[in-house]
Amino acid sequence: MITALDFQNLTEDLKSYVLLNNGQHIAERNYSIYSIQLYAVYGFFVEVYYLPGSDEIDQILAVNSDEVLELYLEDINITDLYM
């Protein structure tokens, strides 16, 4: 298992590999020119900034801020957790 800091220090290719193999997609939001995907992996959250139309990843960032997570709260469906 790795920490958010360990993850942030990986290369972009390794970050992508970790998310593909161990991450769980949680939500999506749009900001400026980006489609931003939120993933959970190893007990922390990661945002992936995609450039729509080009299908390219601009950046992958571990997220530690509650303010950033609040941007997704309206779109996260947790009803299945209570069934």
PDB file of N, CA and C in Angstrom:
ATOM      1  N   MET A   1       0.846  -1.173   0.000  1.00  0.00           N
ATOM      2  CA  MET A   1       0.000   0.000   0.000  1.00  0.00           C
ATOM      3  C   MET A   1       0.898   1.246   0.000  1.00  0.00           C
ATOM      4  N   ILE A   2       0.425   2.301  -0.634  1.00  0.00           N
ATOM      5  CA  ILE A   2       1.193   3.547  -0.691  1.00  0.00           C
ATOM      6  C   ILE A   2       0.376   4.687  -0.105  1.00  0.00           C
ATOM      7  N   THR A   3       1.050   5.731   0.299  1.00  0.00           N
ATOM      8  CA  THR A   3       0.383   6.914   0.833  1.00  0.00           C
ATOM      9  C   THR A   3       0.113   7.898  -0.306  1.00  0.00           C
ATOM     10  N   ALA A   4      -0.656   8.931   0.000  1.00  0.00           N
ATOM     11  CA  ALA A   4      -0.929   9.973  -0.988  1.00  0.00           C
ATOM     12  C   ALA A   4       0.369  10.648  -1.423  1.00  0.00           C
ATOM     13  N   LEU A   5       1.276  10.862  -0.491  1.00  0.00           N
ATOM     14  CA  LEU A   5       2.557  11.486  -0.830  1.00  0.00           C
ATOM     15  C   LEU A   5       3.390  10.570  -1.725  1.00  0.00           C
ATOM     16  N   ASP A   6       3.434   9.276  -1.397  1.00  0.00           N
ATOM     17  CA  ASP A   6       4.137   8.316  -2.259  1.00  0.00           C
ATOM     18  C   ASP A   6       3.545   8.336  -3.666  1.00  0.00           C
ATOM     19  N   PHE A   7       2.209   8.334  -3.742  1.00  0.00           N
ATOM     20  CA  PHE A   7       1.524   8.346  -5.034  1.00  0.00           C
ATOM     21  C   PHE A   7       1.901   9.591  -5.828  1.00  0.00           C
ATOM     22  N   GLN A   8       1.892  10.732  -5.171  1.00  0.00           N
ATOM     23  CA  GLN A   8       2.175  11.991  -5.854  1.00  0.00           C
ATOM     24  C   GLN A   8       3.589  12.023  -6.418  1.00  0.00           C
ATOM     25  N   ASN A   9       4.499  11.283  -5.816  1.00  0.00           N
ATOM     26  CA  ASN A   9       5.887  11.249  -6.278  1.00  0.00           C
ATOM     27  C   ASN A   9       6.142  10.247  -7.403  1.00  0.00           C
ATOM     28  N   LEU A  10       5.123   9.463  -7.775  1.00  0.00           N
ATOM     29  CA  LEU A  10       5.266   8.524  -8.882  1.00  0.00           C
ATOM     30  C   LEU A  10       5.266   9.263 -10.219  1.00  0.00           C
ATOM     31  N   THR A  11       5.751   8.609 -11.253  1.00  0.00           N
ATOM     32  CA  THR A  11       5.642   9.166 -12.603  1.00  0.00           C
ATOM     33  C   THR A  11       4.185   9.126 -13.039  1.00  0.00           C
ATOM     34  N   GLU A  12       3.840   9.891 -14.043  1.00  0.00           N
ATOM     35  CA  GLU A  12       2.462   9.899 -14.548  1.00  0.00           C
ATOM     36  C   GLU A  12       2.057   8.503 -15.029  1.00  0.00           C
ATOM     37  N   ASP A  13       2.959   7.780 -15.668  1.00  0.00           N
ATOM     38  CA  ASP A  13       2.648   6.428 -16.136  1.00  0.00           C
ATOM     39  C   ASP A  13       2.342   5.488 -14.976  1.00  0.00           C
ATOM     40  N   LEU A  14       3.119   5.573 -13.898  1.00  0.00           N
ATOM     41  CA  LEU A  14       2.862   4.718 -12.732  1.00  0.00           C
ATOM     42  C   LEU A  14       1.576   5.113 -12.022  1.00  0.00           C
ATOM     43  N   LYS A  15       1.288   6.416 -11.951  1.00  0.00           N
ATOM     44  CA  LYS A  15       0.018   6.857 -11.365  1.00  0.00           C
ATOM     45  C   LYS A  15      -1.151   6.264 -12.140  1.00  0.00           C
ATOM     46  N   SER A  16      -1.084   6.329 -13.464  1.00  0.00           N
ATOM     47  CA  SER A  16      -2.143   5.764 -14.306  1.00  0.00           C
ATOM     48  C   SER A  16      -2.291   4.264 -14.061  1.00  0.00           C
ATOM     49  N   TYR A  17      -1.175   3.568 -13.962  1.00  0.00           N
ATOM     50  CA  TYR A  17      -1.187   2.127 -13.724  1.00  0.00           C
ATOM     51  C   TYR A  17      -1.863   1.802 -12.385  1.00  0.00           C
ATOM     52  N   VAL A  18      -1.496   2.530 -11.343  1.00  0.00           N
ATOM     53  CA  VAL A  18      -2.079   2.295 -10.016  1.00  0.00           C
ATOM     54  C   VAL A  18      -3.585   2.531 -10.051  1.00  0.00           C
ATOM     55  N   LEU A  19      -4.019   3.616 -10.688  1.00  0.00           N
ATOM     56  CA  LEU A  19      -5.459   3.900 -10.754  1.00  0.00           C
ATOM     57  C   LEU A  19      -6.206   2.853 -11.560  1.00  0.00           C
ATOM     58  N   LEU A  20      -5.632   2.437 -12.671  1.00  0.00           N
ATOM     59  CA  LEU A  20      -6.274   1.447 -13.529  1.00  0.00           C
ATOM     60  C   LEU A  20      -6.454   0.120 -12.806  1.00  0.00           C
ATOM     61  N   ASN A  21      -5.457  -0.270 -12.031  1.00  0.00           N
ATOM     62  CA  ASN A  21      -5.478  -1.575 -11.380  1.00  0.00           C
ATOM     63  C   ASN A  21      -6.045  -1.584  -9.966  1.00  0.00           C
ATOM     64  N   ASN A  22      -6.049  -0.431  -9.284  1.00  0.00           N
ATOM     65  CA  ASN A  22      -6.468  -0.410  -7.884  1.00  0.00           C
ATOM     66  C   ASN A  22      -7.475   0.675  -7.546  1.00  0.00           C
ATOM     67  N   GLY A  23      -7.712   1.592  -8.452  1.00  0.00           N
ATOM     68  CA  GLY A  23      -8.601   2.717  -8.166  1.00  0.00           C
ATOM     69  C   GLY A  23     -10.056   2.406  -8.441  1.00  0.00           C
ATOM     70  N   GLN A  24     -10.922   3.123  -7.747  1.00  0.00           N
ATOM     71  CA  GLN A  24     -12.367   3.018  -7.959  1.00  0.00           C
ATOM     72  C   GLN A  24     -12.877   4.396  -8.333  1.00  0.00           C
ATOM     73  N   HIS A  25     -13.522   4.494  -9.506  1.00  0.00           N
ATOM     74  CA  HIS A  25     -14.076   5.772  -9.949  1.00  0.00           C
ATOM     75  C   HIS A  25     -15.225   6.158  -9.041  1.00  0.00           C
ATOM     76  N   ILE A  26     -15.213   7.400  -8.556  1.00  0.00           N
ATOM     77  CA  ILE A  26     -16.222   7.869  -7.615  1.00  0.00           C
ATOM     78  C   ILE A  26     -17.167   8.882  -8.251  1.00  0.00           C
ATOM     79  N   ALA A  27     -16.614   9.881  -8.938  1.00  0.00           N
ATOM     80  CA  ALA A  27     -17.446  10.962  -9.467  1.00  0.00           C
ATOM     81  C   ALA A  27     -16.701  11.704 -10.571  1.00  0.00           C
ATOM     82  N   GLU A  28     -17.416  12.638 -11.178  1.00  0.00           N
ATOM     83  CA  GLU A  28     -16.862  13.454 -12.253  1.00  0.00           C
ATOM     84  C   GLU A  28     -17.391  14.875 -12.105  1.00  0.00           C
ATOM     85  N   ARG A  29     -16.564  15.828 -12.500  1.00  0.00           N
ATOM     86  CA  ARG A  29     -16.996  17.223 -12.550  1.00  0.00           C
ATOM     87  C   ARG A  29     -16.290  17.910 -13.707  1.00  0.00           C
ATOM     88  N   ASN A  30     -16.826  19.016 -14.137  1.00  0.00           N
ATOM     89  CA  ASN A  30     -16.213  19.803 -15.197  1.00  0.00           C
ATOM     90  C   ASN A  30     -15.736  21.117 -14.617  1.00  0.00           C
ATOM     91  N   TYR A  31     -14.543  21.525 -15.027  1.00  0.00           N
ATOM     92  CA  TYR A  31     -13.984  22.792 -14.584  1.00  0.00           C
ATOM     93  C   TYR A  31     -13.144  23.353 -15.717  1.00  0.00           C
ATOM     94  N   SER A  32     -13.448  24.573 -16.110  1.00  0.00           N
ATOM     95  CA  SER A  32     -12.716  25.238 -17.180  1.00  0.00           C
ATOM     96  C   SER A  32     -12.700  24.338 -18.410  1.00  0.00           C
ATOM     97  N   ILE A  33     -11.540  23.968 -18.888  1.00  0.00           N
ATOM     98  CA  ILE A  33     -11.438  23.131 -20.086  1.00  0.00           C
ATOM     99  C   ILE A  33     -11.333  21.646 -19.750  1.00  0.00           C
ATOM    100  N   TYR A  34     -11.435  21.281 -18.468  1.00  0.00           N
ATOM    101  CA  TYR A  34     -11.175  19.914 -18.031  1.00  0.00           C
ATOM    102  C   TYR A  34     -12.434  19.140 -17.666  1.00  0.00           C
ATOM    103  N   SER A  35     -12.369  17.850 -17.904  1.00  0.00           N
ATOM    104  CA  SER A  35     -13.268  16.880 -17.309  1.00  0.00           C
ATOM    105  C   SER A  35     -12.434  16.227 -16.219  1.00  0.00           C
ATOM    106  N   ILE A  36     -12.851  16.400 -14.958  1.00  0.00           N
ATOM    107  CA  ILE A  36     -12.050  15.924 -13.835  1.00  0.00           C
ATOM    108  C   ILE A  36     -12.735  14.707 -13.212  1.00  0.00           C
ATOM    109  N   GLN A  37     -11.999  13.614 -13.160  1.00  0.00           N
ATOM    110  CA  GLN A  37     -12.507  12.357 -12.615  1.00  0.00           C
ATOM    111  C   GLN A  37     -11.936  12.160 -11.207  1.00  0.00           C
ATOM    112  N   LEU A  38     -12.797  11.767 -10.271  1.00  0.00           N
ATOM    113  CA  LEU A  38     -12.363  11.507  -8.901  1.00  0.00           C
ATOM    114  C   LEU A  38     -12.303  10.003  -8.666  1.00  0.00           C
ATOM    115  N   TYR A  39     -11.179   9.544  -8.161  1.00  0.00           N
ATOM    116  CA  TYR A  39     -10.970   8.127  -7.855  1.00  0.00           C
ATOM    117  C   TYR A  39     -10.597   7.963  -6.387  1.00  0.00           C
ATOM    118  N   ALA A  40     -10.948   6.817  -5.830  1.00  0.00           N
ATOM    119  CA  ALA A  40     -10.484   6.420  -4.497  1.00  0.00           C
ATOM    120  C   ALA A  40      -9.473   5.299  -4.697  1.00  0.00           C
ATOM    121  N   VAL A  41      -8.350   5.394  -3.995  1.00  0.00           N
ATOM    122  CA  VAL A  41      -7.326   4.365  -4.081  1.00  0.00           C
ATOM    123  C   VAL A  41      -6.513   4.370  -2.781  1.00  0.00           C
ATOM    124  N   TYR A  42      -6.342   3.215  -2.181  1.00  0.00           N
ATOM    125  CA  TYR A  42      -5.526   3.059  -0.968  1.00  0.00           C
ATOM    126  C   TYR A  42      -5.880   4.027   0.162  1.00  0.00           C
ATOM    127  N   GLY A  43      -7.152   4.393   0.274  1.00  0.00           N
ATOM    128  CA  GLY A  43      -7.586   5.237   1.383  1.00  0.00           C
ATOM    129  C   GLY A  43      -7.434   6.730   1.164  1.00  0.00           C
ATOM    130  N   PHE A  44      -7.119   7.152  -0.041  1.00  0.00           N
ATOM    131  CA  PHE A  44      -7.087   8.584  -0.349  1.00  0.00           C
ATOM    132  C   PHE A  44      -7.743   8.796  -1.713  1.00  0.00           C
ATOM    133  N   PHE A  45      -7.926  10.048  -2.083  1.00  0.00           N
ATOM    134  CA  PHE A  45      -8.598  10.385  -3.331  1.00  0.00           C
ATOM    135  C   PHE A  45      -7.614  10.985  -4.332  1.00  0.00           C
ATOM    136  N   VAL A  46      -7.920  10.764  -5.607  1.00  0.00           N
ATOM    137  CA  VAL A  46      -7.082  11.255  -6.699  1.00  0.00           C
ATOM    138  C   VAL A  46      -7.979  11.900  -7.743  1.00  0.00           C
ATOM    139  N   GLU A  47      -7.569  13.070  -8.237  1.00  0.00           N
ATOM    140  CA  GLU A  47      -8.261  13.708  -9.351  1.00  0.00           C
ATOM    141  C   GLU A  47      -7.434  13.519 -10.616  1.00  0.00           C
ATOM    142  N   VAL A  48      -8.130  13.152 -11.698  1.00  0.00           N
ATOM    143  CA  VAL A  48      -7.497  13.004 -13.005  1.00  0.00           C
ATOM    144  C   VAL A  48      -8.097  14.058 -13.924  1.00  0.00           C
ATOM    145  N   TYR A  49      -7.254  14.940 -14.424  1.00  0.00           N
ATOM    146  CA  TYR A  49      -7.680  16.031 -15.299  1.00  0.00           C
ATOM    147  C   TYR A  49      -7.543  15.596 -16.757  1.00  0.00           C
ATOM    148  N   TYR A  50      -8.706  15.393 -17.420  1.00  0.00           N
ATOM    149  CA  TYR A  50      -8.729  15.026 -18.835  1.00  0.00           C
ATOM    150  C   TYR A  50      -9.015  16.253 -19.683  1.00  0.00           C
ATOM    151  N   LEU A  51      -8.446  16.269 -20.877  1.00  0.00           N
ATOM    152  CA  LEU A  51      -8.773  17.288 -21.869  1.00  0.00           C
ATOM    153  C   LEU A  51      -9.783  16.671 -22.832  1.00  0.00           C
ATOM    154  N   PRO A  52     -11.069  17.058 -22.706  1.00  0.00           N
ATOM    155  CA  PRO A  52     -12.104  16.471 -23.568  1.00  0.00           C
ATOM    156  C   PRO A  52     -11.782  16.696 -25.049  1.00  0.00           C
ATOM    157  N   GLY A  53     -12.163  15.737 -25.850  1.00  0.00           N
ATOM    158  CA  GLY A  53     -11.920  15.823 -27.272  1.00  0.00           C
ATOM    159  C   GLY A  53     -10.577  15.275 -27.686  1.00  0.00           C
ATOM    160  N   SER A  54      -9.593  15.365 -26.823  1.00  0.00           N
ATOM    161  CA  SER A  54      -8.274  14.845 -27.156  1.00  0.00           C
ATOM    162  C   SER A  54      -8.018  13.509 -26.458  1.00  0.00           C
ATOM    163  N   ASP A  55      -8.847  13.182 -25.465  1.00  0.00           N
ATOM    164  CA  ASP A  55      -8.703  11.947 -24.684  1.00  0.00           C
ATOM    165  C   ASP A  55      -7.319  11.844 -24.057  1.00  0.00           C
ATOM    166  N   GLU A  56      -6.743  12.991 -23.689  1.00  0.00           N
ATOM    167  CA  GLU A  56      -5.429  13.031 -23.055  1.00  0.00           C
ATOM    168  C   GLU A  56      -5.561  13.424 -21.596  1.00  0.00           C
ATOM    169  N   ILE A  57      -4.682  12.871 -20.769  1.00  0.00           N
ATOM    170  CA  ILE A  57      -4.621  13.245 -19.358  1.00  0.00           C
ATOM    171  C   ILE A  57      -3.632  14.391 -19.227  1.00  0.00           C
ATOM    172  N   ASP A  58      -4.066  15.477 -18.593  1.00  0.00           N
ATOM    173  CA  ASP A  58      -3.186  16.617 -18.373  1.00  0.00           C
ATOM    174  C   ASP A  58      -2.408  16.477 -17.065  1.00  0.00           C
ATOM    175  N   GLN A  59      -3.116  16.022 -16.008  1.00  0.00           N
ATOM    176  CA  GLN A  59      -2.435  15.825 -14.733  1.00  0.00           C
ATOM    177  C   GLN A  59      -3.214  14.868 -13.840  1.00  0.00           C
ATOM    178  N   ILE A  60      -2.496  14.257 -12.911  1.00  0.00           N
ATOM    179  CA  ILE A  60      -3.076  13.335 -11.937  1.00  0.00           C
ATOM    180  C   ILE A  60      -2.585  13.789 -10.567  1.00  0.00           C
ATOM    181  N   LEU A  61      -3.538  14.136  -9.684  1.00  0.00           N
ATOM    182  CA  LEU A  61      -3.174  14.729  -8.392  1.00  0.00           C
ATOM    183  C   LEU A  61      -3.856  14.021  -7.231  1.00  0.00           C
ATOM    184  N   ALA A  62      -3.094  13.681  -6.204  1.00  0.00           N
ATOM    185  CA  ALA A  62      -3.686  13.204  -4.956  1.00  0.00           C
ATOM    186  C   ALA A  62      -4.368  14.389  -4.290  1.00  0.00           C
ATOM    187  N   VAL A  63      -5.572  14.150  -3.760  1.00  0.00           N
ATOM    188  CA  VAL A  63      -6.381  15.226  -3.184  1.00  0.00           C
ATOM    189  C   VAL A  63      -6.452  15.043  -1.677  1.00  0.00           C
ATOM    190  N   ASN A  64      -6.058  16.069  -0.935  1.00  0.00           N
ATOM    191  CA  ASN A  64      -6.117  16.020   0.526  1.00  0.00           C
ATOM    192  C   ASN A  64      -7.072  17.052   1.101  1.00  0.00           C
ATOM    193  N   SER A  65      -7.643  17.878   0.276  1.00  0.00           N
ATOM    194  CA  SER A  65      -8.448  18.983   0.761  1.00  0.00           C
ATOM    195  C   SER A  65      -9.933  18.642   0.801  1.00  0.00           C
ATOM    196  N   ASP A  66     -10.554  18.882   1.958  1.00  0.00           N
ATOM    197  CA  ASP A  66     -11.996  18.691   2.078  1.00  0.00           C
ATOM    198  C   ASP A  66     -12.752  19.627   1.144  1.00  0.00           C
ATOM    199  N   GLU A  67     -12.194  20.802   0.876  1.00  0.00           N
ATOM    200  CA  GLU A  67     -12.844  21.750  -0.026  1.00  0.00           C
ATOM    201  C   GLU A  67     -12.983  21.165  -1.423  1.00  0.00           C
ATOM    202  N   VAL A  68     -11.983  20.463  -1.896  1.00  0.00           N
ATOM    203  CA  VAL A  68     -12.049  19.840  -3.214  1.00  0.00           C
ATOM    204  C   VAL A  68     -13.090  18.725  -3.206  1.00  0.00           C
ATOM    205  N   LEU A  69     -13.104  17.915  -2.168  1.00  0.00           N
ATOM    206  CA  LEU A  69     -14.067  16.822  -2.097  1.00  0.00           C
ATOM    207  C   LEU A  69     -15.503  17.326  -2.043  1.00  0.00           C
ATOM    208  N   GLU A  70     -15.723  18.469  -1.436  1.00  0.00           N
ATOM    209  CA  GLU A  70     -17.066  19.040  -1.367  1.00  0.00           C
ATOM    210  C   GLU A  70     -17.617  19.367  -2.751  1.00  0.00           C
ATOM    211  N   LEU A  71     -16.761  19.599  -3.720  1.00  0.00           N
ATOM    212  CA  LEU A  71     -17.203  19.885  -5.082  1.00  0.00           C
ATOM    213  C   LEU A  71     -17.937  18.699  -5.702  1.00  0.00           C
ATOM    214  N   TYR A  72     -17.716  17.514  -5.172  1.00  0.00           N
ATOM    215  CA  TYR A  72     -18.312  16.297  -5.717  1.00  0.00           C
ATOM    216  C   TYR A  72     -19.532  15.817  -4.939  1.00  0.00           C
ATOM    217  N   LEU A  73     -19.785  16.353  -3.763  1.00  0.00           N
ATOM    218  CA  LEU A  73     -20.798  15.790  -2.874  1.00  0.00           C
ATOM    219  C   LEU A  73     -22.179  15.672  -3.502  1.00  0.00           C
ATOM    220  N   GLU A  74     -22.587  16.629  -4.284  1.00  0.00           N
ATOM    221  CA  GLU A  74     -23.921  16.582  -4.890  1.00  0.00           C
ATOM    222  C   GLU A  74     -24.060  15.446  -5.891  1.00  0.00           C
ATOM    223  N   ASP A  75     -22.968  15.008  -6.477  1.00  0.00           N
ATOM    224  CA  ASP A  75     -23.009  14.007  -7.529  1.00  0.00           C
ATOM    225  C   ASP A  75     -22.731  12.594  -7.066  1.00  0.00           C
ATOM    226  N   ILE A  76     -22.339  12.408  -5.806  1.00  0.00           N
ATOM    227  CA  ILE A  76     -22.016  11.072  -5.312  1.00  0.00           C
ATOM    228  C   ILE A  76     -23.264  10.423  -4.734  1.00  0.00           C
ATOM    229  N   ASN A  77     -23.611   9.270  -5.279  1.00  0.00           N
ATOM    230  CA  ASN A  77     -24.779   8.511  -4.823  1.00  0.00           C
ATOM    231  C   ASN A  77     -24.323   7.463  -3.821  1.00  0.00           C
ATOM    232  N   ILE A  78     -24.777   7.594  -2.569  1.00  0.00           N
ATOM    233  CA  ILE A  78     -24.367   6.646  -1.531  1.00  0.00           C
ATOM    234  C   ILE A  78     -25.523   5.777  -1.054  1.00  0.00           C
ATOM    235  N   THR A  79     -26.644   5.787  -1.773  1.00  0.00           N
ATOM    236  CA  THR A  79     -27.801   5.014  -1.335  1.00  0.00           C
ATOM    237  C   THR A  79     -27.503   3.527  -1.239  1.00  0.00           C
ATOM    238  N   ASP A  80     -26.651   2.995  -2.128  1.00  0.00           N
ATOM    239  CA  ASP A  80     -26.311   1.581  -2.084  1.00  0.00           C
ATOM    240  C   ASP A  80     -25.565   1.196  -0.820  1.00  0.00           C
ATOM    241  N   LEU A  81     -24.948   2.139  -0.162  1.00  0.00           N
ATOM    242  CA  LEU A  81     -24.212   1.849   1.063  1.00  0.00           C
ATOM    243  C   LEU A  81     -25.144   1.516   2.215  1.00  0.00           C
ATOM    244  N   TYR A  82     -26.413   1.919   2.122  1.00  0.00           N
ATOM    245  CA  TYR A  82     -27.349   1.728   3.229  1.00  0.00           C
ATOM    246  C   TYR A  82     -28.331   0.608   2.958  1.00  0.00           C
ATOM    247  N   MET A  83     -28.119  -0.170   1.941  1.00  0.00           N
ATOM    248  CA  MET A  83     -29.047  -1.261   1.615  1.00  0.00           C
ATOM    249  C   MET A  83     -28.457  -2.590   1.984  1.00  0.00           C
TER     250      MET A  83
END
